[in-house]
Amino acid sequence: MNNMSKPASLKYDRPFLQEEKKNTVLNLNESGIGEEFIALQLDLEIPIVISILKEHNIYKGDIQEKTN
């Protein structure tokens, strides 16, 4: 059997990201879980997690960085 999978560059491309994973990112963030831990648990890159949060206007990292 030929085991062909998507290239790594496409694996985490947002259009290919499952809607369920996006919802999980949002739910975990709403529960107070940090971006790094969400990325680790869902096998995503941190910028992808941040991108999902920014799409929904709930990413707070920019605000926190400006206040420090």
PDB file of N, CA and C in Angstrom:
ATOM      1  N   MET A   1       0.833  -1.177   0.000  1.00  0.00           N
ATOM      2  CA  MET A   1       0.000   0.000   0.000  1.00  0.00           C
ATOM      3  C   MET A   1       0.881   1.246   0.000  1.00  0.00           C
ATOM      4  N   ASN A   2       0.588   2.188  -0.858  1.00  0.00           N
ATOM      5  CA  ASN A   2       1.351   3.426  -0.925  1.00  0.00           C
ATOM      6  C   ASN A   2       0.808   4.394   0.115  1.00  0.00           C
ATOM      7  N   ASN A   3       1.610   4.704   1.110  1.00  0.00           N
ATOM      8  CA  ASN A   3       1.196   5.565   2.207  1.00  0.00           C
ATOM      9  C   ASN A   3       1.593   7.002   1.896  1.00  0.00           C
ATOM     10  N   MET A   4       0.746   7.699   1.151  1.00  0.00           N
ATOM     11  CA  MET A   4       1.057   9.068   0.777  1.00  0.00           C
ATOM     12  C   MET A   4       0.357  10.014   1.732  1.00  0.00           C
ATOM     13  N   SER A   5       1.124  10.922   2.316  1.00  0.00           N
ATOM     14  CA  SER A   5       0.542  11.927   3.191  1.00  0.00           C
ATOM     15  C   SER A   5       0.850  13.305   2.624  1.00  0.00           C
ATOM     16  N   LYS A   6       0.177  14.298   3.154  1.00  0.00           N
ATOM     17  CA  LYS A   6       0.405  15.659   2.704  1.00  0.00           C
ATOM     18  C   LYS A   6       1.817  16.090   3.064  1.00  0.00           C
ATOM     19  N   PRO A   7       2.443  16.878   2.223  1.00  0.00           N
ATOM     20  CA  PRO A   7       3.761  17.399   2.573  1.00  0.00           C
ATOM     21  C   PRO A   7       3.669  18.219   3.848  1.00  0.00           C
ATOM     22  N   ALA A   8       4.776  18.284   4.583  1.00  0.00           N
ATOM     23  CA  ALA A   8       4.790  19.003   5.857  1.00  0.00           C
ATOM     24  C   ALA A   8       4.364  20.449   5.684  1.00  0.00           C
ATOM     25  N   SER A   9       4.708  21.063   4.564  1.00  0.00           N
ATOM     26  CA  SER A   9       4.359  22.466   4.353  1.00  0.00           C
ATOM     27  C   SER A   9       2.845  22.668   4.260  1.00  0.00           C
ATOM     28  N   LEU A  10       2.106  21.659   3.857  1.00  0.00           N
ATOM     29  CA  LEU A  10       0.656  21.768   3.748  1.00  0.00           C
ATOM     30  C   LEU A  10      -0.060  21.267   4.993  1.00  0.00           C
ATOM     31  N   LYS A  11       0.637  20.520   5.815  1.00  0.00           N
ATOM     32  CA  LYS A  11       0.019  19.875   6.956  1.00  0.00           C
ATOM     33  C   LYS A  11      -0.681  20.872   7.879  1.00  0.00           C
ATOM     34  N   TYR A  12      -0.083  22.040   8.094  1.00  0.00           N
ATOM     35  CA  TYR A  12      -0.646  23.001   9.031  1.00  0.00           C
ATOM     36  C   TYR A  12      -1.162  24.259   8.346  1.00  0.00           C
ATOM     37  N   ASP A  13      -1.257  24.227   7.034  1.00  0.00           N
ATOM     38  CA  ASP A  13      -1.787  25.373   6.318  1.00  0.00           C
ATOM     39  C   ASP A  13      -3.244  25.561   6.739  1.00  0.00           C
ATOM     40  N   ARG A  14      -3.628  26.763   7.129  1.00  0.00           N
ATOM     41  CA  ARG A  14      -4.953  27.002   7.687  1.00  0.00           C
ATOM     42  C   ARG A  14      -6.109  26.505   6.834  1.00  0.00           C
ATOM     43  N   PRO A  15      -6.079  26.634   5.512  1.00  0.00           N
ATOM     44  CA  PRO A  15      -7.220  26.110   4.758  1.00  0.00           C
ATOM     45  C   PRO A  15      -7.413  24.606   4.930  1.00  0.00           C
ATOM     46  N   PHE A  16      -6.355  23.894   5.249  1.00  0.00           N
ATOM     47  CA  PHE A  16      -6.443  22.451   5.423  1.00  0.00           C
ATOM     48  C   PHE A  16      -6.712  22.052   6.870  1.00  0.00           C
ATOM     49  N   LEU A  17      -6.673  23.029   7.765  1.00  0.00           N
ATOM     50  CA  LEU A  17      -6.874  22.735   9.179  1.00  0.00           C
ATOM     51  C   LEU A  17      -8.338  22.388   9.418  1.00  0.00           C
ATOM     52  N   GLN A  18      -8.551  21.328  10.110  1.00  0.00           N
ATOM     53  CA  GLN A  18      -9.914  20.882  10.371  1.00  0.00           C
ATOM     54  C   GLN A  18     -10.651  21.883  11.252  1.00  0.00           C
ATOM     55  N   GLU A  19     -11.908  22.092  10.943  1.00  0.00           N
ATOM     56  CA  GLU A  19     -12.737  23.024  11.713  1.00  0.00           C
ATOM     57  C   GLU A  19     -12.793  22.615  13.186  1.00  0.00           C
ATOM     58  N   GLU A  20     -12.783  21.318  13.429  1.00  0.00           N
ATOM     59  CA  GLU A  20     -12.827  20.818  14.806  1.00  0.00           C
ATOM     60  C   GLU A  20     -11.604  21.282  15.598  1.00  0.00           C
ATOM     61  N   LYS A  21     -10.434  21.269  14.952  1.00  0.00           N
ATOM     62  CA  LYS A  21      -9.217  21.721  15.626  1.00  0.00           C
ATOM     63  C   LYS A  21      -9.275  23.215  15.904  1.00  0.00           C
ATOM     64  N   LYS A  22      -9.824  23.978  14.984  1.00  0.00           N
ATOM     65  CA  LYS A  22      -9.974  25.416  15.210  1.00  0.00           C
ATOM     66  C   LYS A  22     -10.864  25.665  16.427  1.00  0.00           C
ATOM     67  N   ASN A  23     -11.964  24.932  16.497  1.00  0.00           N
ATOM     68  CA  ASN A  23     -12.871  25.089  17.635  1.00  0.00           C
ATOM     69  C   ASN A  23     -12.194  24.691  18.941  1.00  0.00           C
ATOM     70  N   THR A  24     -11.377  23.669  18.891  1.00  0.00           N
ATOM     71  CA  THR A  24     -10.648  23.242  20.077  1.00  0.00           C
ATOM     72  C   THR A  24      -9.673  24.322  20.524  1.00  0.00           C
ATOM     73  N   VAL A  25      -8.980  24.941  19.572  1.00  0.00           N
ATOM     74  CA  VAL A  25      -8.065  26.050  19.898  1.00  0.00           C
ATOM     75  C   VAL A  25      -8.844  27.154  20.607  1.00  0.00           C
ATOM     76  N   LEU A  26      -9.983  27.526  20.054  1.00  0.00           N
ATOM     77  CA  LEU A  26     -10.788  28.597  20.642  1.00  0.00           C
ATOM     78  C   LEU A  26     -11.277  28.232  22.042  1.00  0.00           C
ATOM     79  N   ASN A  27     -11.739  27.007  22.212  1.00  0.00           N
ATOM     80  CA  ASN A  27     -12.241  26.566  23.514  1.00  0.00           C
ATOM     81  C   ASN A  27     -11.134  26.518  24.561  1.00  0.00           C
ATOM     82  N   LEU A  28      -9.972  26.012  24.186  1.00  0.00           N
ATOM     83  CA  LEU A  28      -8.869  25.953  25.135  1.00  0.00           C
ATOM     84  C   LEU A  28      -8.415  27.350  25.528  1.00  0.00           C
ATOM     85  N   ASN A  29      -8.355  28.246  24.557  1.00  0.00           N
ATOM     86  CA  ASN A  29      -7.959  29.617  24.855  1.00  0.00           C
ATOM     87  C   ASN A  29      -8.967  30.281  25.786  1.00  0.00           C
ATOM     88  N   GLU A  30     -10.237  30.047  25.532  1.00  0.00           N
ATOM     89  CA  GLU A  30     -11.287  30.619  26.376  1.00  0.00           C
ATOM     90  C   GLU A  30     -11.188  30.096  27.812  1.00  0.00           C
ATOM     91  N   SER A  31     -10.655  28.901  27.957  1.00  0.00           N
ATOM     92  CA  SER A  31     -10.486  28.299  29.287  1.00  0.00           C
ATOM     93  C   SER A  31      -9.238  28.804  29.988  1.00  0.00           C
ATOM     94  N   GLY A  32      -8.476  29.661  29.307  1.00  0.00           N
ATOM     95  CA  GLY A  32      -7.292  30.238  29.939  1.00  0.00           C
ATOM     96  C   GLY A  32      -6.003  29.517  29.618  1.00  0.00           C
ATOM     97  N   ILE A  33      -6.021  28.580  28.699  1.00  0.00           N
ATOM     98  CA  ILE A  33      -4.826  27.833  28.312  1.00  0.00           C
ATOM     99  C   ILE A  33      -4.007  28.707  27.355  1.00  0.00           C
ATOM    100  N   GLY A  34      -2.693  28.741  27.561  1.00  0.00           N
ATOM    101  CA  GLY A  34      -1.806  29.556  26.744  1.00  0.00           C
ATOM    102  C   GLY A  34      -1.580  28.987  25.354  1.00  0.00           C
ATOM    103  N   GLU A  35      -1.171  29.876  24.450  1.00  0.00           N
ATOM    104  CA  GLU A  35      -0.958  29.489  23.052  1.00  0.00           C
ATOM    105  C   GLU A  35       0.059  28.366  22.897  1.00  0.00           C
ATOM    106  N   GLU A  36       1.130  28.434  23.676  1.00  0.00           N
ATOM    107  CA  GLU A  36       2.190  27.425  23.559  1.00  0.00           C
ATOM    108  C   GLU A  36       1.677  26.043  23.931  1.00  0.00           C
ATOM    109  N   PHE A  37       0.909  25.979  25.012  1.00  0.00           N
ATOM    110  CA  PHE A  37       0.389  24.686  25.456  1.00  0.00           C
ATOM    111  C   PHE A  37      -0.656  24.156  24.483  1.00  0.00           C
ATOM    112  N   ILE A  38      -1.490  25.043  23.948  1.00  0.00           N
ATOM    113  CA  ILE A  38      -2.481  24.634  22.945  1.00  0.00           C
ATOM    114  C   ILE A  38      -1.771  24.036  21.734  1.00  0.00           C
ATOM    115  N   ALA A  39      -0.742  24.727  21.271  1.00  0.00           N
ATOM    116  CA  ALA A  39       0.017  24.249  20.111  1.00  0.00           C
ATOM    117  C   ALA A  39       0.617  22.871  20.391  1.00  0.00           C
ATOM    118  N   LEU A  40       1.188  22.707  21.560  1.00  0.00           N
ATOM    119  CA  LEU A  40       1.803  21.432  21.926  1.00  0.00           C
ATOM    120  C   LEU A  40       0.771  20.315  21.963  1.00  0.00           C
ATOM    121  N   GLN A  41      -0.359  20.567  22.574  1.00  0.00           N
ATOM    122  CA  GLN A  41      -1.386  19.534  22.727  1.00  0.00           C
ATOM    123  C   GLN A  41      -2.053  19.150  21.410  1.00  0.00           C
ATOM    124  N   LEU A  42      -2.171  20.105  20.498  1.00  0.00           N
ATOM    125  CA  LEU A  42      -2.860  19.834  19.232  1.00  0.00           C
ATOM    126  C   LEU A  42      -1.904  19.578  18.084  1.00  0.00           C
ATOM    127  N   ASP A  43      -0.616  19.515  18.381  1.00  0.00           N
ATOM    128  CA  ASP A  43       0.400  19.277  17.365  1.00  0.00           C
ATOM    129  C   ASP A  43       0.328  20.329  16.255  1.00  0.00           C
ATOM    130  N   LEU A  44       0.267  21.584  16.686  1.00  0.00           N
ATOM    131  CA  LEU A  44       0.252  22.719  15.768  1.00  0.00           C
ATOM    132  C   LEU A  44       1.450  23.612  16.067  1.00  0.00           C
ATOM    133  N   GLU A  45       1.783  24.454  15.129  1.00  0.00           N
ATOM    134  CA  GLU A  45       2.825  25.443  15.380  1.00  0.00           C
ATOM    135  C   GLU A  45       2.186  26.632  16.081  1.00  0.00           C
ATOM    136  N   ILE A  46       2.937  27.283  16.964  1.00  0.00           N
ATOM    137  CA  ILE A  46       2.416  28.412  17.733  1.00  0.00           C
ATOM    138  C   ILE A  46       1.858  29.510  16.827  1.00  0.00           C
ATOM    139  N   PRO A  47       2.544  29.882  15.735  1.00  0.00           N
ATOM    140  CA  PRO A  47       1.967  30.921  14.866  1.00  0.00           C
ATOM    141  C   PRO A  47       0.601  30.554  14.285  1.00  0.00           C
ATOM    142  N   ILE A  48       0.350  29.273  14.080  1.00  0.00           N
ATOM    143  CA  ILE A  48      -0.963  28.835  13.582  1.00  0.00           C
ATOM    144  C   ILE A  48      -2.026  29.071  14.653  1.00  0.00           C
ATOM    145  N   VAL A  49      -1.701  28.724  15.900  1.00  0.00           N
ATOM    146  CA  VAL A  49      -2.637  28.946  17.003  1.00  0.00           C
ATOM    147  C   VAL A  49      -2.934  30.438  17.129  1.00  0.00           C
ATOM    148  N   ILE A  50      -1.893  31.255  17.096  1.00  0.00           N
ATOM    149  CA  ILE A  50      -2.066  32.704  17.206  1.00  0.00           C
ATOM    150  C   ILE A  50      -2.902  33.226  16.044  1.00  0.00           C
ATOM    151  N   SER A  51      -2.660  32.699  14.858  1.00  0.00           N
ATOM    152  CA  SER A  51      -3.408  33.119  13.678  1.00  0.00           C
ATOM    153  C   SER A  51      -4.900  32.827  13.837  1.00  0.00           C
ATOM    154  N   ILE A  52      -5.232  31.665  14.358  1.00  0.00           N
ATOM    155  CA  ILE A  52      -6.636  31.301  14.580  1.00  0.00           C
ATOM    156  C   ILE A  52      -7.267  32.267  15.580  1.00  0.00           C
ATOM    157  N   LEU A  53      -6.543  32.578  16.644  1.00  0.00           N
ATOM    158  CA  LEU A  53      -7.066  33.499  17.653  1.00  0.00           C
ATOM    159  C   LEU A  53      -7.248  34.901  17.069  1.00  0.00           C
ATOM    160  N   LYS A  54      -6.308  35.327  16.237  1.00  0.00           N
ATOM    161  CA  LYS A  54      -6.423  36.649  15.606  1.00  0.00           C
ATOM    162  C   LYS A  54      -7.611  36.698  14.648  1.00  0.00           C
ATOM    163  N   GLU A  55      -7.866  35.607  13.943  1.00  0.00           N
ATOM    164  CA  GLU A  55      -9.016  35.552  13.027  1.00  0.00           C
ATOM    165  C   GLU A  55     -10.320  35.811  13.769  1.00  0.00           C
ATOM    166  N   HIS A  56     -10.365  35.431  15.027  1.00  0.00           N
ATOM    167  CA  HIS A  56     -11.574  35.588  15.831  1.00  0.00           C
ATOM    168  C   HIS A  56     -11.472  36.778  16.787  1.00  0.00           C
ATOM    169  N   ASN A  57     -10.446  37.609  16.578  1.00  0.00           N
ATOM    170  CA  ASN A  57     -10.234  38.825  17.374  1.00  0.00           C
ATOM    171  C   ASN A  57     -10.161  38.565  18.871  1.00  0.00           C
ATOM    172  N   ILE A  58      -9.524  37.465  19.253  1.00  0.00           N
ATOM    173  CA  ILE A  58      -9.390  37.164  20.678  1.00  0.00           C
ATOM    174  C   ILE A  58      -7.941  36.985  21.111  1.00  0.00           C
ATOM    175  N   TYR A  59      -7.003  37.266  20.224  1.00  0.00           N
ATOM    176  CA  TYR A  59      -5.588  37.149  20.594  1.00  0.00           C
ATOM    177  C   TYR A  59      -5.208  38.346  21.443  1.00  0.00           C
ATOM    178  N   LYS A  60      -4.691  38.065  22.650  1.00  0.00           N
ATOM    179  CA  LYS A  60      -4.360  39.129  23.596  1.00  0.00           C
ATOM    180  C   LYS A  60      -2.856  39.359  23.705  1.00  0.00           C
ATOM    181  N   GLY A  61      -2.066  38.579  23.003  1.00  0.00           N
ATOM    182  CA  GLY A  61      -0.607  38.683  23.107  1.00  0.00           C
ATOM    183  C   GLY A  61      -0.076  40.042  22.744  1.00  0.00           C
ATOM    184  N   ASP A  62      -0.629  40.677  21.719  1.00  0.00           N
ATOM    185  CA  ASP A  62      -0.163  42.002  21.319  1.00  0.00           C
ATOM    186  C   ASP A  62      -0.395  43.021  22.421  1.00  0.00           C
ATOM    187  N   ILE A  63      -1.531  42.924  23.091  1.00  0.00           N
ATOM    188  CA  ILE A  63      -1.861  43.864  24.166  1.00  0.00           C
ATOM    189  C   ILE A  63      -0.938  43.637  25.353  1.00  0.00           C
ATOM    190  N   GLN A  64      -0.717  42.374  25.717  1.00  0.00           N
ATOM    191  CA  GLN A  64       0.145  42.061  26.856  1.00  0.00           C
ATOM    192  C   GLN A  64       1.561  42.517  26.615  1.00  0.00           C
ATOM    193  N   GLU A  65       2.060  42.366  25.384  1.00  0.00           N
ATOM    194  CA  GLU A  65       3.419  42.765  25.073  1.00  0.00           C
ATOM    195  C   GLU A  65       3.578  44.278  25.188  1.00  0.00           C
ATOM    196  N   LYS A  66       2.558  45.061  24.839  1.00  0.00           N
ATOM    197  CA  LYS A  66       2.631  46.515  24.899  1.00  0.00           C
ATOM    198  C   LYS A  66       2.568  47.024  26.329  1.00  0.00           C
ATOM    199  N   THR A  67       1.923  46.284  27.241  1.00  0.00           N
ATOM    200  CA  THR A  67       1.783  46.742  28.611  1.00  0.00           C
ATOM    201  C   THR A  67       2.967  46.350  29.478  1.00  0.00           C
ATOM    202  N   ASN A  68       3.827  45.461  29.012  1.00  0.00           N
ATOM    203  CA  ASN A  68       4.982  45.030  29.811  1.00  0.00           C
ATOM    204  C   ASN A  68       6.125  45.979  29.690  1.00  0.00           C
TER     205      ASN A  68
END
